[in-house]
Amino acid sequence: MSNRVDQVTDSLLRIEIELRRMDVWEASPPPEHAFRSTQPFCLDTMEFTQWLQFVFLQKMKALVEAGQPLPSVSGIAPMAEEHFRGRAQSGQRLVQALEEIDRLLSGR
């Protein structure tokens, strides 16, 4: 199990590195009300990259650090593909990093 946790931890770091490389990493979180969204990925209150940084990465890091069970299903990469469709920034390396975490968490 620890090997999987190590792989997930490495994958989370790759996602963070890619967000920083793309220059979308933010120093401050969105306002508190943005976190109360009932929409998937907080689509109505945050940019997808904000959700990755402030919701997904934070929750996953907390689970890993607390030794809690990790999600057994993940499908974030398709959302990233949709987010970057038609944008100047392709986000391809971020999508690949998210495909990796999806595979690790879903056991594929």
PDB file of N, CA and C in Angstrom:
ATOM      1  N   MET A   1       0.825  -1.204   0.000  1.00  0.00           N
ATOM      2  CA  MET A   1       0.000   0.000   0.000  1.00  0.00           C
ATOM      3  C   MET A   1       0.864   1.262   0.000  1.00  0.00           C
ATOM      4  N   SER A   2       1.970   1.224   0.734  1.00  0.00           N
ATOM      5  CA  SER A   2       2.792   2.423   0.814  1.00  0.00           C
ATOM      6  C   SER A   2       3.374   2.797  -0.545  1.00  0.00           C
ATOM      7  N   ASN A   3       3.636   1.801  -1.406  1.00  0.00           N
ATOM      8  CA  ASN A   3       4.128   2.105  -2.738  1.00  0.00           C
ATOM      9  C   ASN A   3       3.095   2.935  -3.512  1.00  0.00           C
ATOM     10  N   ARG A   4       1.829   2.564  -3.386  1.00  0.00           N
ATOM     11  CA  ARG A   4       0.769   3.323  -4.058  1.00  0.00           C
ATOM     12  C   ARG A   4       0.703   4.740  -3.499  1.00  0.00           C
ATOM     13  N   VAL A   5       0.804   4.873  -2.187  1.00  0.00           N
ATOM     14  CA  VAL A   5       0.784   6.195  -1.563  1.00  0.00           C
ATOM     15  C   VAL A   5       1.963   7.023  -2.061  1.00  0.00           C
ATOM     16  N   ASP A   6       3.140   6.413  -2.158  1.00  0.00           N
ATOM     17  CA  ASP A   6       4.314   7.123  -2.681  1.00  0.00           C
ATOM     18  C   ASP A   6       4.075   7.572  -4.121  1.00  0.00           C
ATOM     19  N   GLN A   7       3.482   6.708  -4.921  1.00  0.00           N
ATOM     20  CA  GLN A   7       3.196   7.059  -6.315  1.00  0.00           C
ATOM     21  C   GLN A   7       2.194   8.209  -6.394  1.00  0.00           C
ATOM     22  N   VAL A   8       1.171   8.152  -5.555  1.00  0.00           N
ATOM     23  CA  VAL A   8       0.172   9.224  -5.536  1.00  0.00           C
ATOM     24  C   VAL A   8       0.822  10.532  -5.087  1.00  0.00           C
ATOM     25  N   THR A   9       1.656  10.473  -4.061  1.00  0.00           N
ATOM     26  CA  THR A   9       2.351  11.667  -3.576  1.00  0.00           C
ATOM     27  C   THR A   9       3.207  12.276  -4.683  1.00  0.00           C
ATOM     28  N   ASP A  10       3.942  11.440  -5.394  1.00  0.00           N
ATOM     29  CA  ASP A  10       4.765  11.923  -6.512  1.00  0.00           C
ATOM     30  C   ASP A  10       3.892  12.556  -7.594  1.00  0.00           C
ATOM     31  N   SER A  11       2.770  11.932  -7.859  1.00  0.00           N
ATOM     32  CA  SER A  11       1.859  12.431  -8.883  1.00  0.00           C
ATOM     33  C   SER A  11       1.264  13.784  -8.480  1.00  0.00           C
ATOM     34  N   LEU A  12       0.918  13.929  -7.213  1.00  0.00           N
ATOM     35  CA  LEU A  12       0.404  15.210  -6.726  1.00  0.00           C
ATOM     36  C   LEU A  12       1.453  16.309  -6.880  1.00  0.00           C
ATOM     37  N   LEU A  13       2.694  15.962  -6.599  1.00  0.00           N
ATOM     38  CA  LEU A  13       3.779  16.927  -6.767  1.00  0.00           C
ATOM     39  C   LEU A  13       3.926  17.326  -8.235  1.00  0.00           C
ATOM     40  N   ARG A  14       3.797  16.365  -9.145  1.00  0.00           N
ATOM     41  CA  ARG A  14       3.892  16.677 -10.584  1.00  0.00           C
ATOM     42  C   ARG A  14       2.769  17.627 -11.008  1.00  0.00           C
ATOM     43  N   ILE A  15       1.585  17.443 -10.449  1.00  0.00           N
ATOM     44  CA  ILE A  15       0.466  18.341 -10.768  1.00  0.00           C
ATOM     45  C   ILE A  15       0.791  19.749 -10.281  1.00  0.00           C
ATOM     46  N   GLU A  16       1.284  19.860  -9.053  1.00  0.00           N
ATOM     47  CA  GLU A  16       1.653  21.175  -8.521  1.00  0.00           C
ATOM     48  C   GLU A  16       2.745  21.822  -9.369  1.00  0.00           C
ATOM     49  N   ILE A  17       3.754  21.069  -9.722  1.00  0.00           N
ATOM     50  CA  ILE A  17       4.845  21.607 -10.540  1.00  0.00           C
ATOM     51  C   ILE A  17       4.304  22.115 -11.871  1.00  0.00           C
ATOM     52  N   GLU A  18       3.403  21.369 -12.468  1.00  0.00           N
ATOM     53  CA  GLU A  18       2.854  21.783 -13.757  1.00  0.00           C
ATOM     54  C   GLU A  18       2.001  23.044 -13.622  1.00  0.00           C
ATOM     55  N   LEU A  19       1.220  23.145 -12.566  1.00  0.00           N
ATOM     56  CA  LEU A  19       0.439  24.371 -12.339  1.00  0.00           C
ATOM     57  C   LEU A  19       1.369  25.569 -12.188  1.00  0.00           C
ATOM     58  N   ARG A  20       2.471  25.371 -11.489  1.00  0.00           N
ATOM     59  CA  ARG A  20       3.451  26.454 -11.323  1.00  0.00           C
ATOM     60  C   ARG A  20       4.115  26.788 -12.664  1.00  0.00           C
ATOM     61  N   ARG A  21       4.469  25.759 -13.424  1.00  0.00           N
ATOM     62  CA  ARG A  21       5.108  25.979 -14.724  1.00  0.00           C
ATOM     63  C   ARG A  21       4.191  26.770 -15.657  1.00  0.00           C
ATOM     64  N   MET A  22       2.909  26.487 -15.564  1.00  0.00           N
ATOM     65  CA  MET A  22       1.925  27.173 -16.410  1.00  0.00           C
ATOM     66  C   MET A  22       1.617  28.582 -15.903  1.00  0.00           C
ATOM     67  N   ASP A  23       2.169  28.924 -14.747  1.00  0.00           N
ATOM     68  CA  ASP A  23       1.973  30.228 -14.130  1.00  0.00           C
ATOM     69  C   ASP A  23       0.517  30.482 -13.745  1.00  0.00           C
ATOM     70  N   VAL A  24      -0.153  29.423 -13.274  1.00  0.00           N
ATOM     71  CA  VAL A  24      -1.525  29.565 -12.779  1.00  0.00           C
ATOM     72  C   VAL A  24      -1.613  29.264 -11.280  1.00  0.00           C
ATOM     73  N   TRP A  25      -0.471  28.972 -10.647  1.00  0.00           N
ATOM     74  CA  TRP A  25      -0.432  28.738  -9.203  1.00  0.00           C
ATOM     75  C   TRP A  25      -0.678  30.072  -8.515  1.00  0.00           C
ATOM     76  N   GLU A  26      -1.569  30.092  -7.539  1.00  0.00           N
ATOM     77  CA  GLU A  26      -1.937  31.339  -6.890  1.00  0.00           C
ATOM     78  C   GLU A  26      -1.437  31.370  -5.445  1.00  0.00           C
ATOM     79  N   ALA A  27      -1.032  32.545  -5.004  1.00  0.00           N
ATOM     80  CA  ALA A  27      -0.505  32.707  -3.646  1.00  0.00           C
ATOM     81  C   ALA A  27      -1.614  32.687  -2.595  1.00  0.00           C
ATOM     82  N   SER A  28      -2.805  33.140  -2.975  1.00  0.00           N
ATOM     83  CA  SER A  28      -3.917  33.221  -2.020  1.00  0.00           C
ATOM     84  C   SER A  28      -5.120  32.443  -2.533  1.00  0.00           C
ATOM     85  N   PRO A  29      -5.845  31.799  -1.629  1.00  0.00           N
ATOM     86  CA  PRO A  29      -7.032  31.051  -2.058  1.00  0.00           C
ATOM     87  C   PRO A  29      -8.175  31.985  -2.454  1.00  0.00           C
ATOM     88  N   PRO A  30      -9.130  31.454  -3.192  1.00  0.00           N
ATOM     89  CA  PRO A  30     -10.329  32.244  -3.508  1.00  0.00           C
ATOM     90  C   PRO A  30     -11.079  32.581  -2.217  1.00  0.00           C
ATOM     91  N   PRO A  31     -12.048  33.494  -2.288  1.00  0.00           N
ATOM     92  CA  PRO A  31     -12.825  33.825  -1.089  1.00  0.00           C
ATOM     93  C   PRO A  31     -13.544  32.593  -0.533  1.00  0.00           C
ATOM     94  N   GLU A  32     -13.819  32.616   0.753  1.00  0.00           N
ATOM     95  CA  GLU A  32     -14.429  31.472   1.434  1.00  0.00           C
ATOM     96  C   GLU A  32     -15.709  30.990   0.749  1.00  0.00           C
ATOM     97  N   HIS A  33     -16.525  31.915   0.266  1.00  0.00           N
ATOM     98  CA  HIS A  33     -17.792  31.510  -0.358  1.00  0.00           C
ATOM     99  C   HIS A  33     -17.575  30.641  -1.598  1.00  0.00           C
ATOM    100  N   ALA A  34     -16.423  30.777  -2.247  1.00  0.00           N
ATOM    101  CA  ALA A  34     -16.143  29.975  -3.449  1.00  0.00           C
ATOM    102  C   ALA A  34     -16.072  28.489  -3.121  1.00  0.00           C
ATOM    103  N   PHE A  35     -15.720  28.168  -1.890  1.00  0.00           N
ATOM    104  CA  PHE A  35     -15.589  26.767  -1.475  1.00  0.00           C
ATOM    105  C   PHE A  35     -16.939  26.143  -1.133  1.00  0.00           C
ATOM    106  N   ARG A  36     -17.982  26.928  -1.056  1.00  0.00           N
ATOM    107  CA  ARG A  36     -19.310  26.418  -0.709  1.00  0.00           C
ATOM    108  C   ARG A  36     -20.117  26.009  -1.928  1.00  0.00           C
ATOM    109  N   SER A  37     -19.503  26.006  -3.083  1.00  0.00           N
ATOM    110  CA  SER A  37     -20.187  25.626  -4.313  1.00  0.00           C
ATOM    111  C   SER A  37     -20.761  24.217  -4.202  1.00  0.00           C
ATOM    112  N   THR A  38     -21.894  24.010  -4.828  1.00  0.00           N
ATOM    113  CA  THR A  38     -22.480  22.670  -4.894  1.00  0.00           C
ATOM    114  C   THR A  38     -22.242  22.043  -6.267  1.00  0.00           C
ATOM    115  N   GLN A  39     -21.573  22.765  -7.149  1.00  0.00           N
ATOM    116  CA  GLN A  39     -21.294  22.273  -8.499  1.00  0.00           C
ATOM    117  C   GLN A  39     -20.022  21.416  -8.503  1.00  0.00           C
ATOM    118  N   PRO A  40     -19.978  20.399  -9.378  1.00  0.00           N
ATOM    119  CA  PRO A  40     -18.729  19.635  -9.507  1.00  0.00           C
ATOM    120  C   PRO A  40     -17.577  20.570  -9.872  1.00  0.00           C
ATOM    121  N   PHE A  41     -16.432  20.326  -9.275  1.00  0.00           N
ATOM    122  CA  PHE A  41     -15.218  21.108  -9.529  1.00  0.00           C
ATOM    123  C   PHE A  41     -15.402  22.596  -9.191  1.00  0.00           C
ATOM    124  N   CYS A  42     -16.419  22.936  -8.414  1.00  0.00           N
ATOM    125  CA  CYS A  42     -16.722  24.340  -8.068  1.00  0.00           C
ATOM    126  C   CYS A  42     -16.773  25.218  -9.323  1.00  0.00           C
ATOM    127  N   LEU A  43     -17.328  24.676 -10.387  1.00  0.00           N
ATOM    128  CA  LEU A  43     -17.329  25.366 -11.682  1.00  0.00           C
ATOM    129  C   LEU A  43     -17.958  26.751 -11.648  1.00  0.00           C
ATOM    130  N   ASP A  44     -18.893  26.944 -10.752  1.00  0.00           N
ATOM    131  CA  ASP A  44     -19.577  28.237 -10.706  1.00  0.00           C
ATOM    132  C   ASP A  44     -18.844  29.281  -9.868  1.00  0.00           C
ATOM    133  N   THR A  45     -17.804  28.862  -9.140  1.00  0.00           N
ATOM    134  CA  THR A  45     -17.138  29.816  -8.248  1.00  0.00           C
ATOM    135  C   THR A  45     -15.622  29.889  -8.410  1.00  0.00           C
ATOM    136  N   MET A  46     -15.034  28.946  -9.141  1.00  0.00           N
ATOM    137  CA  MET A  46     -13.572  28.921  -9.295  1.00  0.00           C
ATOM    138  C   MET A  46     -13.194  28.529 -10.716  1.00  0.00           C
ATOM    139  N   GLU A  47     -12.000  28.941 -11.088  1.00  0.00           N
ATOM    140  CA  GLU A  47     -11.390  28.402 -12.306  1.00  0.00           C
ATOM    141  C   GLU A  47     -11.004  26.949 -12.011  1.00  0.00           C
ATOM    142  N   PHE A  48     -10.959  26.114 -13.023  1.00  0.00           N
ATOM    143  CA  PHE A  48     -10.587  24.718 -12.828  1.00  0.00           C
ATOM    144  C   PHE A  48      -9.221  24.601 -12.157  1.00  0.00           C
ATOM    145  N   THR A  49      -8.263  25.429 -12.561  1.00  0.00           N
ATOM    146  CA  THR A  49      -6.925  25.362 -11.965  1.00  0.00           C
ATOM    147  C   THR A  49      -6.946  25.768 -10.495  1.00  0.00           C
ATOM    148  N   GLN A  50      -7.847  26.683 -10.119  1.00  0.00           N
ATOM    149  CA  GLN A  50      -7.991  27.026  -8.700  1.00  0.00           C
ATOM    150  C   GLN A  50      -8.530  25.824  -7.928  1.00  0.00           C
ATOM    151  N   TRP A  51      -9.530  25.154  -8.498  1.00  0.00           N
ATOM    152  CA  TRP A  51     -10.093  23.971  -7.848  1.00  0.00           C
ATOM    153  C   TRP A  51      -9.001  22.925  -7.647  1.00  0.00           C
ATOM    154  N   LEU A  52      -8.172  22.705  -8.673  1.00  0.00           N
ATOM    155  CA  LEU A  52      -7.081  21.740  -8.537  1.00  0.00           C
ATOM    156  C   LEU A  52      -6.176  22.111  -7.366  1.00  0.00           C
ATOM    157  N   GLN A  53      -5.778  23.369  -7.310  1.00  0.00           N
ATOM    158  CA  GLN A  53      -4.835  23.806  -6.282  1.00  0.00           C
ATOM    159  C   GLN A  53      -5.447  23.823  -4.890  1.00  0.00           C
ATOM    160  N   PHE A  54      -6.606  24.433  -4.761  1.00  0.00           N
ATOM    161  CA  PHE A  54      -7.136  24.708  -3.426  1.00  0.00           C
ATOM    162  C   PHE A  54      -8.112  23.664  -2.895  1.00  0.00           C
ATOM    163  N   VAL A  55      -8.639  22.828  -3.759  1.00  0.00           N
ATOM    164  CA  VAL A  55      -9.557  21.788  -3.297  1.00  0.00           C
ATOM    165  C   VAL A  55      -8.920  20.413  -3.466  1.00  0.00           C
ATOM    166  N   PHE A  56      -8.652  20.017  -4.702  1.00  0.00           N
ATOM    167  CA  PHE A  56      -8.149  18.667  -4.952  1.00  0.00           C
ATOM    168  C   PHE A  56      -6.804  18.408  -4.286  1.00  0.00           C
ATOM    169  N   LEU A  57      -5.810  19.231  -4.588  1.00  0.00           N
ATOM    170  CA  LEU A  57      -4.479  18.984  -4.019  1.00  0.00           C
ATOM    171  C   LEU A  57      -4.506  19.067  -2.494  1.00  0.00           C
ATOM    172  N   GLN A  58      -5.223  20.029  -1.947  1.00  0.00           N
ATOM    173  CA  GLN A  58      -5.272  20.167  -0.488  1.00  0.00           C
ATOM    174  C   GLN A  58      -5.920  18.947   0.171  1.00  0.00           C
ATOM    175  N   LYS A  59      -7.029  18.484  -0.392  1.00  0.00           N
ATOM    176  CA  LYS A  59      -7.705  17.317   0.179  1.00  0.00           C
ATOM    177  C   LYS A  59      -6.850  16.064   0.046  1.00  0.00           C
ATOM    178  N   MET A  60      -6.228  15.882  -1.105  1.00  0.00           N
ATOM    179  CA  MET A  60      -5.408  14.693  -1.313  1.00  0.00           C
ATOM    180  C   MET A  60      -4.191  14.697  -0.389  1.00  0.00           C
ATOM    181  N   LYS A  61      -3.543  15.847  -0.246  1.00  0.00           N
ATOM    182  CA  LYS A  61      -2.391  15.939   0.658  1.00  0.00           C
ATOM    183  C   LYS A  61      -2.814  15.645   2.092  1.00  0.00           C
ATOM    184  N   ALA A  62      -3.972  16.152   2.494  1.00  0.00           N
ATOM    185  CA  ALA A  62      -4.461  15.901   3.851  1.00  0.00           C
ATOM    186  C   ALA A  62      -4.725  14.414   4.070  1.00  0.00           C
ATOM    187  N   LEU A  63      -5.308  13.737   3.086  1.00  0.00           N
ATOM    188  CA  LEU A  63      -5.561  12.297   3.200  1.00  0.00           C
ATOM    189  C   LEU A  63      -4.252  11.532   3.342  1.00  0.00           C
ATOM    190  N   VAL A  64      -3.279  11.858   2.495  1.00  0.00           N
ATOM    191  CA  VAL A  64      -1.983  11.170   2.527  1.00  0.00           C
ATOM    192  C   VAL A  64      -1.305  11.390   3.880  1.00  0.00           C
ATOM    193  N   GLU A  65      -1.251  12.640   4.327  1.00  0.00           N
ATOM    194  CA  GLU A  65      -0.570  12.961   5.586  1.00  0.00           C
ATOM    195  C   GLU A  65      -1.236  12.303   6.792  1.00  0.00           C
ATOM    196  N   ALA A  66      -2.566  12.144   6.741  1.00  0.00           N
ATOM    197  CA  ALA A  66      -3.289  11.543   7.861  1.00  0.00           C
ATOM    198  C   ALA A  66      -3.367  10.026   7.756  1.00  0.00           C
ATOM    199  N   GLY A  67      -2.834   9.471   6.664  1.00  0.00           N
ATOM    200  CA  GLY A  67      -2.889   8.024   6.471  1.00  0.00           C
ATOM    201  C   GLY A  67      -4.300   7.516   6.218  1.00  0.00           C
ATOM    202  N   GLN A  68      -5.152   8.386   5.724  1.00  0.00           N
ATOM    203  CA  GLN A  68      -6.542   8.024   5.432  1.00  0.00           C
ATOM    204  C   GLN A  68      -6.620   7.302   4.086  1.00  0.00           C
ATOM    205  N   PRO A  69      -7.691   6.531   3.886  1.00  0.00           N
ATOM    206  CA  PRO A  69      -7.859   5.862   2.588  1.00  0.00           C
ATOM    207  C   PRO A  69      -7.984   6.887   1.454  1.00  0.00           C
ATOM    208  N   LEU A  70      -7.381   6.556   0.338  1.00  0.00           N
ATOM    209  CA  LEU A  70      -7.462   7.422  -0.838  1.00  0.00           C
ATOM    210  C   LEU A  70      -8.713   7.070  -1.642  1.00  0.00           C
ATOM    211  N   PRO A  71      -9.220   8.012  -2.423  1.00  0.00           N
ATOM    212  CA  PRO A  71     -10.380   7.699  -3.269  1.00  0.00           C
ATOM    213  C   PRO A  71     -10.061   6.518  -4.183  1.00  0.00           C
ATOM    214  N   SER A  72     -11.070   5.721  -4.483  1.00  0.00           N
ATOM    215  CA  SER A  72     -10.840   4.559  -5.344  1.00  0.00           C
ATOM    216  C   SER A  72     -11.250   4.821  -6.783  1.00  0.00           C
ATOM    217  N   VAL A  73     -11.770   5.999  -7.044  1.00  0.00           N
ATOM    218  CA  VAL A  73     -12.170   6.378  -8.395  1.00  0.00           C
ATOM    219  C   VAL A  73     -11.773   7.832  -8.606  1.00  0.00           C
ATOM    220  N   SER A  74     -11.251   8.121  -9.787  1.00  0.00           N
ATOM    221  CA  SER A  74     -10.909   9.494 -10.122  1.00  0.00           C
ATOM    222  C   SER A  74     -11.059   9.676 -11.621  1.00  0.00           C
ATOM    223  N   GLY A  75     -11.625  10.804 -12.005  1.00  0.00           N
ATOM    224  CA  GLY A  75     -11.807  11.112 -13.420  1.00  0.00           C
ATOM    225  C   GLY A  75     -11.635  12.596 -13.666  1.00  0.00           C
ATOM    226  N   ILE A  76     -10.492  13.117 -13.305  1.00  0.00           N
ATOM    227  CA  ILE A  76     -10.250  14.555 -13.407  1.00  0.00           C
ATOM    228  C   ILE A  76      -9.706  14.957 -14.781  1.00  0.00           C
ATOM    229  N   ALA A  77      -8.944  14.090 -15.425  1.00  0.00           N
ATOM    230  CA  ALA A  77      -8.310  14.440 -16.703  1.00  0.00           C
ATOM    231  C   ALA A  77      -9.323  14.893 -17.756  1.00  0.00           C
ATOM    232  N   PRO A  78     -10.475  14.221 -17.909  1.00  0.00           N
ATOM    233  CA  PRO A  78     -11.436  14.706 -18.914  1.00  0.00           C
ATOM    234  C   PRO A  78     -11.917  16.136 -18.629  1.00  0.00           C
ATOM    235  N   MET A  79     -12.049  16.487 -17.371  1.00  0.00           N
ATOM    236  CA  MET A  79     -12.445  17.857 -17.030  1.00  0.00           C
ATOM    237  C   MET A  79     -11.347  18.839 -17.435  1.00  0.00           C
ATOM    238  N   ALA A  80     -10.104  18.451 -17.230  1.00  0.00           N
ATOM    239  CA  ALA A  80      -8.991  19.309 -17.635  1.00  0.00           C
ATOM    240  C   ALA A  80      -8.975  19.485 -19.152  1.00  0.00           C
ATOM    241  N   GLU A  81      -9.202  18.405 -19.881  1.00  0.00           N
ATOM    242  CA  GLU A  81      -9.252  18.506 -21.349  1.00  0.00           C
ATOM    243  C   GLU A  81     -10.327  19.497 -21.777  1.00  0.00           C
ATOM    244  N   GLU A  82     -11.481  19.401 -21.151  1.00  0.00           N
ATOM    245  CA  GLU A  82     -12.584  20.319 -21.465  1.00  0.00           C
ATOM    246  C   GLU A  82     -12.210  21.756 -21.113  1.00  0.00           C
ATOM    247  N   HIS A  83     -11.583  21.941 -19.966  1.00  0.00           N
ATOM    248  CA  HIS A  83     -11.184  23.288 -19.529  1.00  0.00           C
ATOM    249  C   HIS A  83     -10.249  23.946 -20.540  1.00  0.00           C
ATOM    250  N   PHE A  84      -9.297  23.198 -21.056  1.00  0.00           N
ATOM    251  CA  PHE A  84      -8.292  23.786 -21.946  1.00  0.00           C
ATOM    252  C   PHE A  84      -8.701  23.811 -23.414  1.00  0.00           C
ATOM    253  N   ARG A  85      -9.812  23.169 -23.764  1.00  0.00           N
ATOM    254  CA  ARG A  85     -10.265  23.158 -25.155  1.00  0.00           C
ATOM    255  C   ARG A  85     -10.518  24.595 -25.620  1.00  0.00           C
ATOM    256  N   GLY A  86      -9.915  24.949 -26.730  1.00  0.00           N
ATOM    257  CA  GLY A  86     -10.124  26.272 -27.299  1.00  0.00           C
ATOM    258  C   GLY A  86      -9.351  27.395 -26.622  1.00  0.00           C
ATOM    259  N   ARG A  87      -8.502  27.074 -25.666  1.00  0.00           N
ATOM    260  CA  ARG A  87      -7.693  28.101 -24.998  1.00  0.00           C
ATOM    261  C   ARG A  87      -6.304  28.149 -25.621  1.00  0.00           C
ATOM    262  N   ALA A  88      -5.651  29.286 -25.480  1.00  0.00           N
ATOM    263  CA  ALA A  88      -4.304  29.434 -26.028  1.00  0.00           C
ATOM    264  C   ALA A  88      -3.331  28.457 -25.367  1.00  0.00           C
ATOM    265  N   GLN A  89      -3.492  28.242 -24.086  1.00  0.00           N
ATOM    266  CA  GLN A  89      -2.614  27.334 -23.338  1.00  0.00           C
ATOM    267  C   GLN A  89      -3.191  25.921 -23.447  1.00  0.00           C
ATOM    268  N   SER A  90      -2.418  24.977 -23.978  1.00  0.00           N
ATOM    269  CA  SER A  90      -2.961  23.638 -24.224  1.00  0.00           C
ATOM    270  C   SER A  90      -3.202  22.847 -22.944  1.00  0.00           C
ATOM    271  N   GLY A  91      -2.342  23.025 -21.960  1.00  0.00           N
ATOM    272  CA  GLY A  91      -2.498  22.280 -20.720  1.00  0.00           C
ATOM    273  C   GLY A  91      -2.210  20.797 -20.871  1.00  0.00           C
ATOM    274  N   GLN A  92      -1.579  20.395 -21.978  1.00  0.00           N
ATOM    275  CA  GLN A  92      -1.374  18.974 -22.259  1.00  0.00           C
ATOM    276  C   GLN A  92      -0.562  18.264 -21.184  1.00  0.00           C
ATOM    277  N   ARG A  93       0.484  18.907 -20.687  1.00  0.00           N
ATOM    278  CA  ARG A  93       1.293  18.253 -19.642  1.00  0.00           C
ATOM    279  C   ARG A  93       0.510  18.115 -18.341  1.00  0.00           C
ATOM    280  N   LEU A  94      -0.344  19.090 -18.049  1.00  0.00           N
ATOM    281  CA  LEU A  94      -1.201  18.989 -16.869  1.00  0.00           C
ATOM    282  C   LEU A  94      -2.213  17.860 -17.057  1.00  0.00           C
ATOM    283  N   VAL A  95      -2.796  17.772 -18.234  1.00  0.00           N
ATOM    284  CA  VAL A  95      -3.746  16.687 -18.527  1.00  0.00           C
ATOM    285  C   VAL A  95      -3.058  15.336 -18.343  1.00  0.00           C
ATOM    286  N   GLN A  96      -1.830  15.198 -18.817  1.00  0.00           N
ATOM    287  CA  GLN A  96      -1.099  13.938 -18.656  1.00  0.00           C
ATOM    288  C   GLN A  96      -0.857  13.626 -17.181  1.00  0.00           C
ATOM    289  N   ALA A  97      -0.515  14.632 -16.389  1.00  0.00           N
ATOM    290  CA  ALA A  97      -0.310  14.419 -14.955  1.00  0.00           C
ATOM    291  C   ALA A  97      -1.618  13.995 -14.288  1.00  0.00           C
ATOM    292  N   LEU A  98      -2.722  14.554 -14.733  1.00  0.00           N
ATOM    293  CA  LEU A  98      -4.031  14.192 -14.173  1.00  0.00           C
ATOM    294  C   LEU A  98      -4.462  12.801 -14.635  1.00  0.00           C
ATOM    295  N   GLU A  99      -4.113  12.430 -15.857  1.00  0.00           N
ATOM    296  CA  GLU A  99      -4.395  11.057 -16.307  1.00  0.00           C
ATOM    297  C   GLU A  99      -3.658  10.061 -15.420  1.00  0.00           C
ATOM    298  N   GLU A 100      -2.438  10.410 -15.035  1.00  0.00           N
ATOM    299  CA  GLU A 100      -1.652   9.542 -14.163  1.00  0.00           C
ATOM    300  C   GLU A 100      -2.324   9.376 -12.796  1.00  0.00           C
ATOM    301  N   ILE A 101      -2.767  10.471 -12.190  1.00  0.00           N
ATOM    302  CA  ILE A 101      -3.409  10.363 -10.886  1.00  0.00           C
ATOM    303  C   ILE A 101      -4.730   9.611 -10.999  1.00  0.00           C
ATOM    304  N   ASP A 102      -5.452   9.824 -12.100  1.00  0.00           N
ATOM    305  CA  ASP A 102      -6.700   9.069 -12.325  1.00  0.00           C
ATOM    306  C   ASP A 102      -6.413   7.571 -12.359  1.00  0.00           C
ATOM    307  N   ARG A 103      -5.351   7.179 -13.073  1.00  0.00           N
ATOM    308  CA  ARG A 103      -4.997   5.761 -13.166  1.00  0.00           C
ATOM    309  C   ARG A 103      -4.598   5.190 -11.792  1.00  0.00           C
ATOM    310  N   LEU A 104      -3.786   5.939 -11.081  1.00  0.00           N
ATOM    311  CA  LEU A 104      -3.328   5.477  -9.766  1.00  0.00           C
ATOM    312  C   LEU A 104      -4.486   5.292  -8.799  1.00  0.00           C
ATOM    313  N   LEU A 105      -5.385   6.263  -8.763  1.00  0.00           N
ATOM    314  CA  LEU A 105      -6.490   6.183  -7.809  1.00  0.00           C
ATOM    315  C   LEU A 105      -7.540   5.159  -8.219  1.00  0.00           C
ATOM    316  N   SER A 106      -7.726   5.004  -9.514  1.00  0.00           N
ATOM    317  CA  SER A 106      -8.762   4.068  -9.992  1.00  0.00           C
ATOM    318  C   SER A 106      -8.236   2.653 -10.153  1.00  0.00           C
ATOM    319  N   GLY A 107      -6.927   2.477  -9.902  1.00  0.00           N
ATOM    320  CA  GLY A 107      -6.345   1.135  -9.983  1.00  0.00           C
ATOM    321  C   GLY A 107      -6.246   0.582 -11.388  1.00  0.00           C
ATOM    322  N   ARG A 108      -6.122   1.493 -12.364  1.00  0.00           N
ATOM    323  CA  ARG A 108      -6.000   1.046 -13.756  1.00  0.00           C
ATOM    324  C   ARG A 108      -4.571   1.073 -14.205  1.00  0.00           C
TER     325      ARG A 108
END
